Amino acid sequence: MTQPVADIAVIGLAVMGQNLILNMNDHGFVVCAFNRTVQKVEEFLANEAKGTKIVGATSLEHMVKLLKRPRRVMLLVKAGSAVQDMIDKIVPLLESGDIIIDGGNSDYHDSNRRFEELAKKGIYFVGSGVSGGEEGARYGPSLMPGGSPEAWEHLKPIFQGIAAKAPDGLPCCEWVGTAGSGHFVKMVHNGIEYGDMQLICEAFHLMSKGLGLDFTKMAEIFEDWNKGELDSFLIEITANILRYRDEDGEPMVPKILDSAQQKGTGKWTGIAALEYGIPVTLIAEAVFARCLSSLKEQRVSASKVLPGPEKKSKEIVKDLELFINNLGQALYASKVVSYAQGFMLLSEASNHFNWNLDYGAIAMMWRGGCIIRSRFLGRIKSAFEKNPKLVNLLLDDFFLDAMKNAQVQIFLRFFLISTAVQLGIPMPAFSAALAFFDGYRSEVLPANLLQAQRDYFGAHCYELLSNPGIALHTNWTGKGGRVTSNAYSA
């Protein structure tokens, strides 16, 4: 008779699955490995897992028998139908109180649904964001688990044991909330990642194509930025990438096709922002920048016929050292805006689903092991600790001071954007950051005219400043009727 020996089972032996299993083994947990193709289990046990306590299962039934109660089964398979197919096969083999964890990049809507469906069967569901890539999975990822609260006490020792540790020793893993909250937080994390990467790429593009700096000089600039408030994983690896030379001794980046790919989580963030009415403009621009980059053939053709500016950087930038220093400050300020937008979306979703998210704790989960890990996140934690009801990071004293910095204001407005425009260098993310900042600080926006237009052509009504909450309609031409649209907010 098979004896239950495993603390947890992991299904899916691609690189992420294998590395998480090895990580768990390193921390003293007995893991059962299973893969749809059993041969892969045998190969894993004979190679990477050789000499460990890792056990393999030859079938789902065998896997379930190897697990201690409550059974903990973690899926690391491709998001979508593959996850659902595996859940459908596992559920009949489990009992009330057992736990299924989806560790893939699943859509939070699917996680919401699975949470509800499995709860009816007495099975706890956890959708967990896993960030950090292959290396993070092996040596310490950032983990964002959410779902059935009852499952957390059974997962906490494992998850916090294998998670990355921040500089203060705390694990980059904490319980997020119910239902699909873990996957929603991971989605927003990925959206912020898109924004960070795009801002860095725009700064690089301006320095390279606009200012004509060589790769060694640009690597030095990013290394210098990484010593200050911009200290982060993405700034660090950008410096390393710019320093890298191929077998011919040439910089590698110019030889890489400038057509960016994406897996969709940034797009999901933009869709969620539209769904909940949150202006996550910088992240959206980062997604669209990738879409534009993919039109390589069209861009090559357009470059031959569409006119652009012919000014040289030396005619515009008089003090290069000052310009670069201010560019770093502008990058930091724009990053503040990007994170502010991301946390606005988290807040709206938390209110919508009653998740009661802890924003400071979320920032702490991202301090290590993940792609957006940075010194900056400690500031966010402090902001929400000081004021748990903070509606926007831009209103926190620390970030407010950063945005008030006269040099940042002057540079963003009159030098960075204008220089890029004069040189014909697209900077959609930086531009979106400034536009959002100006829109958010505006007491009055031209939406009053927009409401009048909607009422004019569609009788959609408007409200008066002097009498808010009351829908009014004006017969603007004298030819319209008195009947208003049934959908005031259409």
Protein backbone atom coordinates (compact mmCIF):
# COMPACT_ATOMS: atom_id res chain seq x y z
CA MET A 1 0.00 0.00 0.00
CA THR A 2 1.32 3.45 -0.96
CA GLN A 3 2.15 5.59 2.07
CA PRO A 4 1.50 9.37 2.02
CA VAL A 5 4.94 10.97 2.22
CA ALA A 6 4.72 14.20 0.20
CA ASP A 7 3.93 17.63 1.63
CA ILE A 8 2.85 18.98 -1.75
CA ALA A 9 2.53 17.88 -5.37
CA VAL A 10 3.59 19.99 -8.34
CA ILE A 11 2.08 19.23 -11.74
CA GLY A 12 4.01 20.52 -14.74
CA LEU A 13 7.71 19.91 -15.27
CA ALA A 14 8.68 22.78 -17.53
CA VAL A 15 11.53 24.91 -16.19
CA MET A 16 9.36 26.85 -13.71
CA GLY A 17 7.87 23.66 -12.29
CA GLN A 18 11.20 21.90 -11.95
CA ASN A 19 12.84 24.89 -10.30
CA LEU A 20 10.03 25.40 -7.80
CA ILE A 21 10.20 21.71 -6.87
CA LEU A 22 13.97 21.93 -6.32
CA ASN A 23 13.46 25.10 -4.27
CA MET A 24 10.90 23.35 -2.06
CA ASN A 25 13.23 20.38 -1.65
CA ASP A 26 16.06 22.70 -0.58
CA HIS A 27 13.82 24.01 2.21
CA GLY A 28 13.05 20.57 3.60
CA PHE A 29 9.70 19.82 1.98
CA VAL A 30 8.98 16.49 0.34
CA VAL A 31 7.57 17.15 -3.12
CA CYS A 32 5.74 14.81 -5.46
CA ALA A 33 6.44 15.59 -9.12
CA PHE A 34 3.94 14.77 -11.84
CA ASN A 35 3.69 15.53 -15.53
CA ARG A 36 1.16 14.60 -18.15
CA THR A 37 4.02 12.88 -19.97
CA VAL A 38 5.27 10.37 -17.40
CA GLN A 39 8.61 10.00 -19.19
CA LYS A 40 9.41 13.59 -18.20
CA VAL A 41 8.96 12.64 -14.52
CA GLU A 42 11.44 9.79 -14.92
CA GLU A 43 13.96 12.05 -16.66
CA PHE A 44 13.62 14.72 -13.95
CA LEU A 45 14.16 12.19 -11.16
CA ALA A 46 17.18 10.72 -12.95
CA ASN A 47 18.83 14.08 -13.59
CA GLU A 48 17.97 17.39 -11.86
CA ALA A 49 16.26 15.71 -8.89
CA LYS A 50 18.79 12.90 -8.45
CA GLY A 51 19.87 12.45 -4.83
CA THR A 52 16.96 14.50 -3.42
CA LYS A 53 13.85 13.53 -1.45
CA ILE A 54 11.65 14.37 -4.44
CA VAL A 55 9.27 11.54 -5.38
CA GLY A 56 7.56 10.95 -8.70
CA ALA A 57 4.04 9.85 -9.52
CA THR A 58 3.09 7.68 -12.47
CA SER A 59 -0.54 8.81 -12.51
CA LEU A 60 -2.84 11.31 -10.85
CA GLU A 61 -4.24 8.52 -8.69
CA HIS A 62 -0.71 7.60 -7.61
CA MET A 63 0.06 11.27 -6.90
CA VAL A 64 -2.98 11.65 -4.65
CA LYS A 65 -2.00 8.55 -2.65
CA LEU A 66 1.47 9.99 -2.06
CA LEU A 67 0.12 13.21 -0.53
CA LYS A 68 -0.36 13.93 3.16
CA ARG A 69 -3.69 15.47 4.24
CA PRO A 70 -4.83 18.04 3.52
CA ARG A 71 -3.57 17.33 0.03
CA ARG A 72 -1.85 20.28 -1.60
CA VAL A 73 -1.64 20.18 -5.40
CA MET A 74 0.08 23.00 -7.28
CA LEU A 75 -0.47 23.41 -11.02
CA LEU A 76 2.25 24.95 -13.15
CA VAL A 77 0.73 24.39 -16.56
CA LYS A 78 -0.20 26.77 -19.36
CA ALA A 79 -2.98 29.18 -18.39
CA GLY A 80 -6.40 28.62 -19.90
CA SER A 81 -7.94 25.31 -20.93
CA ALA A 82 -4.95 23.25 -19.75
CA VAL A 83 -5.50 24.46 -16.17
CA GLN A 84 -9.22 23.71 -16.31
CA ASP A 85 -8.67 20.28 -17.87
CA MET A 86 -6.25 19.33 -15.09
CA ILE A 87 -8.56 20.62 -12.36
CA ASP A 88 -11.43 18.60 -13.83
CA LYS A 89 -9.28 15.46 -13.68
CA ILE A 90 -7.99 16.06 -10.15
CA VAL A 91 -11.19 17.06 -8.37
CA PRO A 92 -12.83 13.58 -8.40
CA LEU A 93 -9.71 12.21 -6.67
CA LEU A 94 -9.67 14.76 -3.86
CA GLU A 95 -11.67 15.14 -0.66
CA SER A 96 -13.18 18.03 1.26
CA GLY A 97 -10.48 20.27 2.69
CA ASP A 98 -7.88 19.47 0.03
CA ILE A 99 -6.20 22.36 -1.79
CA ILE A 100 -5.60 23.15 -5.46
CA ILE A 101 -3.11 25.93 -6.25
CA ASP A 102 -2.89 27.47 -9.72
CA GLY A 103 0.60 28.97 -10.01
CA GLY A 104 0.32 30.06 -13.64
CA ASN A 105 -0.52 33.44 -15.16
CA SER A 106 -4.25 32.75 -15.20
CA ASP A 107 -6.89 35.36 -15.92
CA TYR A 108 -8.32 36.51 -12.59
CA HIS A 109 -11.86 36.04 -13.93
CA ASP A 110 -11.10 32.32 -14.30
CA SER A 111 -9.69 32.26 -10.76
CA ASN A 112 -12.82 33.97 -9.41
CA ARG A 113 -14.95 31.31 -11.09
CA ARG A 114 -12.78 28.37 -9.96
CA PHE A 115 -12.80 29.69 -6.40
CA GLU A 116 -16.61 29.62 -6.38
CA GLU A 117 -16.98 26.28 -8.17
CA LEU A 118 -14.47 24.40 -6.02
CA ALA A 119 -15.85 25.88 -2.80
CA LYS A 120 -19.16 24.15 -3.57
CA LYS A 121 -17.28 20.86 -3.63
CA GLY A 122 -15.47 21.54 -0.37
CA ILE A 123 -12.10 22.02 -2.07
CA TYR A 124 -10.00 25.08 -1.34
CA PHE A 125 -8.68 26.98 -4.36
CA VAL A 126 -5.68 29.30 -4.39
CA GLY A 127 -4.60 31.34 -7.39
CA SER A 128 -1.03 32.43 -6.81
CA GLY A 129 1.03 34.87 -8.79
CA VAL A 130 4.63 33.69 -9.16
CA SER A 131 7.20 36.25 -10.26
CA GLY A 132 10.93 36.10 -10.78
CA GLY A 133 11.31 33.89 -13.81
CA GLU A 134 13.39 30.73 -13.86
CA GLU A 135 16.01 31.98 -11.39
CA GLY A 136 13.37 33.28 -9.00
CA ALA A 137 11.54 29.96 -9.02
CA ARG A 138 14.77 28.15 -8.20
CA TYR A 139 16.21 30.42 -5.52
CA GLY A 140 13.32 32.54 -4.28
CA PRO A 141 10.34 33.99 -6.16
CA SER A 142 7.85 36.64 -5.19
CA LEU A 143 4.60 34.82 -4.42
CA MET A 144 1.13 36.41 -4.39
CA PRO A 145 -1.39 33.81 -3.15
CA GLY A 146 -5.10 34.54 -2.96
CA GLY A 147 -8.25 32.44 -2.78
CA SER A 148 -9.69 30.33 0.03
CA PRO A 149 -8.42 31.84 3.32
CA GLU A 150 -8.70 28.42 5.00
CA ALA A 151 -5.88 27.16 2.77
CA TRP A 152 -3.31 29.70 3.89
CA GLU A 153 -2.30 28.05 7.18
CA HIS A 154 -1.49 24.88 5.22
CA LEU A 155 0.51 26.72 2.53
CA LYS A 156 2.20 29.46 4.54
CA PRO A 157 5.21 27.41 5.77
CA ILE A 158 5.96 26.22 2.23
CA PHE A 159 5.32 29.47 0.38
CA GLN A 160 7.10 31.76 2.83
CA GLY A 161 9.88 29.22 3.13
CA ILE A 162 10.70 29.19 -0.59
CA ALA A 163 9.95 32.88 -1.28
CA ALA A 164 12.65 35.46 -1.85
CA LYS A 165 13.76 37.34 1.23
CA ALA A 166 13.89 41.14 1.28
CA PRO A 167 16.98 42.91 2.67
CA ASP A 168 15.35 42.92 6.12
CA GLY A 169 14.89 39.14 5.97
CA LEU A 170 11.11 39.16 5.53
CA PRO A 171 9.65 36.78 2.92
CA CYS A 172 8.33 38.29 -0.30
CA CYS A 173 5.06 36.43 0.16
CA GLU A 174 1.93 37.23 2.12
CA TRP A 175 -1.74 36.35 1.83
CA VAL A 176 -3.38 38.69 -0.69
CA GLY A 177 -7.13 38.11 -0.32
CA THR A 178 -10.02 35.96 -1.48
CA ALA A 179 -11.08 34.59 -4.87
CA GLY A 180 -8.93 35.75 -7.81
CA SER A 181 -7.13 38.52 -5.92
CA GLY A 182 -3.73 36.82 -6.13
CA HIS A 183 -3.86 36.60 -9.91
CA PHE A 184 -5.23 40.14 -10.16
CA VAL A 185 -2.28 41.47 -8.14
CA LYS A 186 0.11 39.48 -10.35
CA MET A 187 -1.58 40.93 -13.44
CA VAL A 188 -1.09 44.49 -12.18
CA HIS A 189 2.49 43.60 -11.25
CA ASN A 190 3.06 42.59 -14.87
CA GLY A 191 1.39 45.77 -16.12
CA ILE A 192 3.70 47.88 -13.95
CA GLU A 193 6.58 45.81 -15.32
CA TYR A 194 5.49 46.80 -18.85
CA GLY A 195 5.52 50.47 -17.81
CA ASP A 196 8.93 50.27 -16.15
CA MET A 197 10.46 48.55 -19.15
CA GLN A 198 8.98 51.04 -21.62
CA LEU A 199 10.23 54.05 -19.64
CA ILE A 200 13.72 52.57 -19.55
CA CYS A 201 13.60 51.80 -23.28
CA GLU A 202 12.49 55.35 -24.09
CA ALA A 203 15.34 56.80 -22.01
CA PHE A 204 17.74 54.48 -23.85
CA HIS A 205 16.29 55.44 -27.23
CA LEU A 206 16.65 59.15 -26.52
CA MET A 207 20.26 58.72 -25.40
CA SER A 208 21.15 56.41 -28.29
CA LYS A 209 19.29 57.77 -31.33
CA GLY A 210 18.71 61.30 -30.07
CA LEU A 211 21.95 62.17 -28.29
CA GLY A 212 24.21 59.72 -30.10
CA LEU A 213 25.75 58.21 -26.96
CA ASP A 214 27.72 54.97 -27.30
CA PHE A 215 26.82 51.80 -25.44
CA THR A 216 29.65 52.02 -22.94
CA LYS A 217 28.57 55.52 -21.94
CA MET A 218 24.92 54.48 -21.65
CA ALA A 219 25.87 51.46 -19.52
CA GLU A 220 27.76 53.79 -17.18
CA ILE A 221 24.71 56.07 -16.93
CA PHE A 222 22.40 53.20 -15.97
CA GLU A 223 24.97 51.93 -13.47
CA ASP A 224 25.11 55.38 -11.92
CA TRP A 225 21.30 55.59 -11.75
CA ASN A 226 21.25 52.20 -10.03
CA LYS A 227 23.23 53.65 -7.12
CA GLY A 228 20.39 56.01 -6.18
CA GLU A 229 16.60 56.02 -5.91
CA LEU A 230 16.30 54.20 -9.25
CA ASP A 231 18.08 51.15 -7.77
CA SER A 232 16.16 48.21 -9.25
CA PHE A 233 16.50 44.90 -11.04
CA LEU A 234 15.47 46.34 -14.41
CA ILE A 235 17.94 49.24 -14.25
CA GLU A 236 20.67 46.80 -13.21
CA ILE A 237 20.08 44.35 -16.04
CA THR A 238 19.77 47.20 -18.56
CA ALA A 239 23.31 48.29 -17.67
CA ASN A 240 24.50 44.68 -18.06
CA ILE A 241 22.74 44.32 -21.42
CA LEU A 242 24.26 47.54 -22.75
CA ARG A 243 27.73 46.38 -21.70
CA TYR A 244 27.34 42.98 -23.36
CA ARG A 245 29.36 42.34 -26.52
CA ASP A 246 28.86 39.48 -28.98
CA GLU A 247 31.57 37.23 -30.42
CA ASP A 248 32.58 40.05 -32.80
CA GLY A 249 33.07 42.46 -29.92
CA GLU A 250 30.04 44.49 -30.99
CA PRO A 251 27.11 45.64 -28.81
CA MET A 252 24.36 43.03 -28.96
CA VAL A 253 21.27 45.25 -28.71
CA PRO A 254 21.49 46.86 -32.22
CA LYS A 255 21.50 43.38 -33.75
CA ILE A 256 18.24 42.35 -32.08
CA LEU A 257 15.02 42.76 -34.10
CA ASP A 258 13.12 45.76 -32.70
CA SER A 259 9.76 44.00 -32.67
CA ALA A 260 8.60 43.35 -29.11
CA GLN A 261 6.50 40.37 -28.16
CA GLN A 262 4.07 40.04 -25.26
CA LYS A 263 2.20 37.27 -23.46
CA GLY A 264 -0.91 39.34 -22.76
CA THR A 265 -0.82 40.23 -19.07
CA GLY A 266 -0.01 43.87 -19.81
CA LYS A 267 -2.98 43.93 -22.18
CA TRP A 268 -5.15 42.39 -19.45
CA THR A 269 -4.14 45.23 -17.13
CA GLY A 270 -5.27 47.75 -19.73
CA ILE A 271 -8.55 45.92 -20.26
CA ALA A 272 -9.19 45.79 -16.51
CA ALA A 273 -8.45 49.52 -16.28
CA LEU A 274 -11.08 50.19 -18.95
CA GLU A 275 -13.53 47.82 -17.26
CA TYR A 276 -13.23 49.62 -13.90
CA GLY A 277 -12.77 53.13 -15.30
CA ILE A 278 -9.24 53.73 -14.00
CA PRO A 279 -6.85 55.82 -16.17
CA VAL A 280 -3.88 53.47 -16.28
CA THR A 281 -2.54 55.48 -19.20
CA LEU A 282 1.19 54.83 -18.88
CA ILE A 283 0.81 51.05 -18.79
CA ALA A 284 -1.61 51.22 -21.73
CA GLU A 285 0.92 53.24 -23.73
CA ALA A 286 3.57 50.64 -22.88
CA VAL A 287 1.32 47.94 -24.35
CA PHE A 288 0.60 50.00 -27.47
CA ALA A 289 4.33 50.73 -27.88
CA ARG A 290 4.90 46.99 -28.19
CA CYS A 291 2.05 46.78 -30.70
CA LEU A 292 3.61 49.59 -32.75
CA SER A 293 7.03 47.95 -32.62
CA SER A 294 5.54 44.78 -34.12
CA LEU A 295 4.65 46.70 -37.31
CA LYS A 296 8.29 46.45 -38.41
CA GLU A 297 7.72 46.15 -42.17
CA GLN A 298 5.28 49.06 -42.19
CA ARG A 299 7.65 51.19 -40.13
CA VAL A 300 10.53 50.49 -42.50
CA SER A 301 8.38 51.61 -45.45
CA ALA A 302 7.02 54.64 -43.58
CA SER A 303 10.54 55.74 -42.60
CA LYS A 304 11.31 56.29 -46.27
CA VAL A 305 8.34 58.55 -47.02
CA LEU A 306 7.02 60.21 -43.85
CA PRO A 307 8.84 63.44 -43.00
CA GLY A 308 10.36 64.20 -39.60
CA PRO A 309 12.54 66.81 -37.88
CA GLU A 310 16.14 67.26 -38.96
CA LYS A 311 17.52 69.01 -35.89
CA LYS A 312 20.67 67.63 -34.26
CA SER A 313 20.97 67.05 -30.53
CA LYS A 314 23.91 69.48 -30.22
CA GLU A 315 21.61 72.28 -31.35
CA ILE A 316 19.20 71.50 -28.51
CA VAL A 317 21.16 69.95 -25.62
CA LYS A 318 23.85 72.36 -24.43
CA ASP A 319 24.84 70.64 -21.17
CA LEU A 320 24.88 66.86 -21.66
CA GLU A 321 25.79 65.98 -18.06
CA LEU A 322 22.95 68.09 -16.67
CA PHE A 323 20.55 66.65 -19.24
CA ILE A 324 21.41 63.06 -18.27
CA ASN A 325 21.07 63.82 -14.57
CA ASN A 326 17.65 65.36 -15.14
CA LEU A 327 16.64 62.47 -17.39
CA GLY A 328 17.21 60.14 -14.44
CA GLN A 329 15.00 62.33 -12.24
CA ALA A 330 12.32 62.40 -14.93
CA LEU A 331 12.50 58.60 -15.17
CA TYR A 332 11.95 58.38 -11.41
CA ALA A 333 9.03 60.82 -11.50
CA SER A 334 7.40 58.93 -14.37
CA LYS A 335 7.88 55.69 -12.48
CA VAL A 336 6.01 57.24 -9.53
CA VAL A 337 3.09 57.96 -11.87
CA SER A 338 3.11 54.41 -13.25
CA TYR A 339 2.97 52.84 -9.79
CA ALA A 340 0.35 55.34 -8.68
CA GLN A 341 -1.85 54.22 -11.57
CA GLY A 342 -1.24 50.55 -10.80
CA PHE A 343 -2.23 50.96 -7.16
CA MET A 344 -5.31 52.96 -8.21
CA LEU A 345 -6.41 49.90 -10.20
CA LEU A 346 -5.70 47.59 -7.25
CA SER A 347 -7.78 49.84 -5.02
CA GLU A 348 -10.73 49.91 -7.40
CA ALA A 349 -10.71 46.12 -7.81
CA SER A 350 -10.40 45.66 -4.05
CA ASN A 351 -13.47 47.82 -3.50
CA HIS A 352 -15.38 46.12 -6.32
CA PHE A 353 -14.75 42.57 -5.06
CA ASN A 354 -14.46 43.37 -1.33
CA TRP A 355 -10.95 41.93 -1.28
CA ASN A 356 -9.65 44.31 1.41
CA LEU A 357 -6.18 44.38 -0.15
CA ASP A 358 -3.22 45.48 1.96
CA TYR A 359 -1.29 47.74 -0.43
CA GLY A 360 1.73 48.09 1.83
CA ALA A 361 2.00 44.30 2.08
CA ILE A 362 1.72 44.00 -1.71
CA ALA A 363 4.61 46.43 -2.15
CA MET A 364 6.64 44.34 0.30
CA MET A 365 5.93 41.17 -1.71
CA TRP A 366 7.55 42.84 -4.70
CA ARG A 367 10.76 43.91 -2.92
CA GLY A 368 12.62 40.75 -3.86
CA GLY A 369 12.47 37.83 -6.25
CA CYS A 370 10.41 39.60 -8.90
CA ILE A 371 11.12 41.60 -12.05
CA ILE A 372 10.01 44.96 -10.60
CA ARG A 373 11.94 44.60 -7.32
CA SER A 374 13.44 47.92 -6.34
CA ARG A 375 14.34 50.24 -3.48
CA PHE A 376 11.36 52.32 -4.54
CA LEU A 377 8.89 49.76 -3.14
CA GLY A 378 9.93 50.43 0.44
CA ARG A 379 8.72 54.01 -0.05
CA ILE A 380 5.33 52.70 -1.18
CA LYS A 381 5.03 50.49 1.89
CA SER A 382 5.84 53.46 4.13
CA ALA A 383 3.24 55.58 2.36
CA PHE A 384 0.42 53.10 2.99
CA GLU A 385 1.60 52.34 6.54
CA LYS A 386 1.43 56.04 7.32
CA ASN A 387 -1.98 56.41 5.68
CA PRO A 388 -3.85 53.13 4.95
CA LYS A 389 -6.62 55.16 3.27
CA LEU A 390 -4.24 56.93 0.87
CA VAL A 391 -6.17 57.32 -2.39
CA ASN A 392 -3.15 58.01 -4.59
CA LEU A 393 0.60 57.66 -4.14
CA LEU A 394 1.04 61.12 -5.66
CA LEU A 395 -0.55 62.56 -2.51
CA ASP A 396 1.93 60.94 -0.11
CA ASP A 397 4.38 63.47 1.35
CA PHE A 398 7.49 61.70 0.05
CA PHE A 399 6.24 61.26 -3.51
CA LEU A 400 4.61 64.68 -3.46
CA ASP A 401 8.00 66.22 -2.69
CA ALA A 402 9.56 64.21 -5.51
CA MET A 403 6.96 65.50 -7.97
CA LYS A 404 7.22 69.05 -6.64
CA ASN A 405 10.92 69.07 -7.38
CA ALA A 406 11.29 72.14 -9.58
CA GLN A 407 14.03 70.54 -11.64
CA VAL A 408 11.84 67.54 -12.46
CA GLN A 409 8.93 69.78 -13.41
CA ILE A 410 11.02 72.03 -15.62
CA PHE A 411 12.89 69.17 -17.26
CA LEU A 412 9.83 67.03 -17.99
CA ARG A 413 7.86 69.94 -19.41
CA PHE A 414 10.39 72.05 -21.25
CA PHE A 415 13.35 69.82 -21.98
CA LEU A 416 12.63 66.09 -22.08
CA ILE A 417 9.38 66.02 -24.04
CA SER A 418 10.27 69.02 -26.19
CA THR A 419 13.74 67.64 -26.96
CA ALA A 420 12.26 64.29 -27.95
CA VAL A 421 9.69 66.02 -30.15
CA GLN A 422 12.33 68.19 -31.82
CA LEU A 423 14.50 65.12 -32.48
CA GLY A 424 11.57 62.98 -33.63
CA ILE A 425 12.06 60.44 -30.82
CA PRO A 426 8.75 58.88 -29.64
CA MET A 427 8.33 58.90 -25.85
CA PRO A 428 4.73 57.78 -25.27
CA ALA A 429 5.24 56.55 -21.69
CA PHE A 430 7.01 59.71 -20.50
CA SER A 431 4.38 61.81 -22.27
CA ALA A 432 1.58 59.79 -20.68
CA ALA A 433 3.13 60.28 -17.24
CA LEU A 434 3.18 64.06 -17.64
CA ALA A 435 -0.32 64.18 -19.14
CA PHE A 436 -1.73 62.10 -16.28
CA PHE A 437 0.03 64.25 -13.69
CA ASP A 438 -1.41 67.43 -15.21
CA GLY A 439 -4.86 65.88 -15.56
CA TYR A 440 -4.90 64.59 -11.99
CA ARG A 441 -3.86 67.95 -10.54
CA SER A 442 -6.46 69.86 -12.61
CA GLU A 443 -9.46 71.13 -10.66
CA VAL A 444 -11.33 71.66 -13.93
CA LEU A 445 -11.08 69.54 -17.07
CA PRO A 446 -12.88 70.02 -20.42
CA ALA A 447 -15.25 67.15 -19.65
CA ASN A 448 -17.92 69.83 -19.13
CA LEU A 449 -17.85 70.53 -22.87
CA LEU A 450 -17.80 66.80 -23.53
CA GLN A 451 -20.96 66.33 -21.44
CA ALA A 452 -22.63 69.16 -23.34
CA GLN A 453 -21.72 67.48 -26.63
CA ARG A 454 -23.18 64.17 -25.45
CA ASP A 455 -26.36 65.90 -24.38
CA TYR A 456 -26.54 67.80 -27.69
CA PHE A 457 -26.40 64.76 -29.99
CA GLY A 458 -27.77 62.03 -27.74
CA ALA A 459 -29.80 63.68 -24.95
CA HIS A 460 -27.51 61.94 -22.45
CA CYS A 461 -27.95 64.75 -19.89
CA TYR A 462 -25.44 66.51 -17.65
CA GLU A 463 -25.17 67.73 -14.07
CA LEU A 464 -24.59 71.30 -12.90
CA LEU A 465 -21.84 72.28 -10.47
CA SER A 466 -24.51 74.10 -8.49
CA ASN A 467 -26.83 71.09 -8.37
CA PRO A 468 -24.85 67.80 -8.54
CA GLY A 469 -26.69 64.50 -8.73
CA ILE A 470 -29.57 65.89 -10.79
CA ALA A 471 -29.60 64.91 -14.48
CA LEU A 472 -30.56 67.80 -16.76
CA HIS A 473 -31.16 68.08 -20.48
CA THR A 474 -31.01 71.17 -22.70
CA ASN A 475 -32.76 71.56 -26.05
CA TRP A 476 -29.65 73.09 -27.64
CA THR A 477 -31.18 73.88 -31.07
CA GLY A 478 -34.83 74.43 -30.25
CA LYS A 479 -35.66 71.55 -32.59
CA GLY A 480 -35.10 68.66 -30.23
CA GLY A 481 -37.62 67.02 -27.97
CA ARG A 482 -37.84 66.86 -24.19
CA VAL A 483 -37.24 63.10 -23.97
CA THR A 484 -33.80 62.19 -22.61
CA SER A 485 -31.69 59.11 -23.16
CA ASN A 486 -32.46 56.15 -20.90
CA ALA A 487 -28.73 55.61 -20.47
CA TYR A 488 -27.48 58.76 -18.78
CA SER A 489 -23.98 57.42 -18.33
CA ALA A 490 -23.69 55.90 -21.81
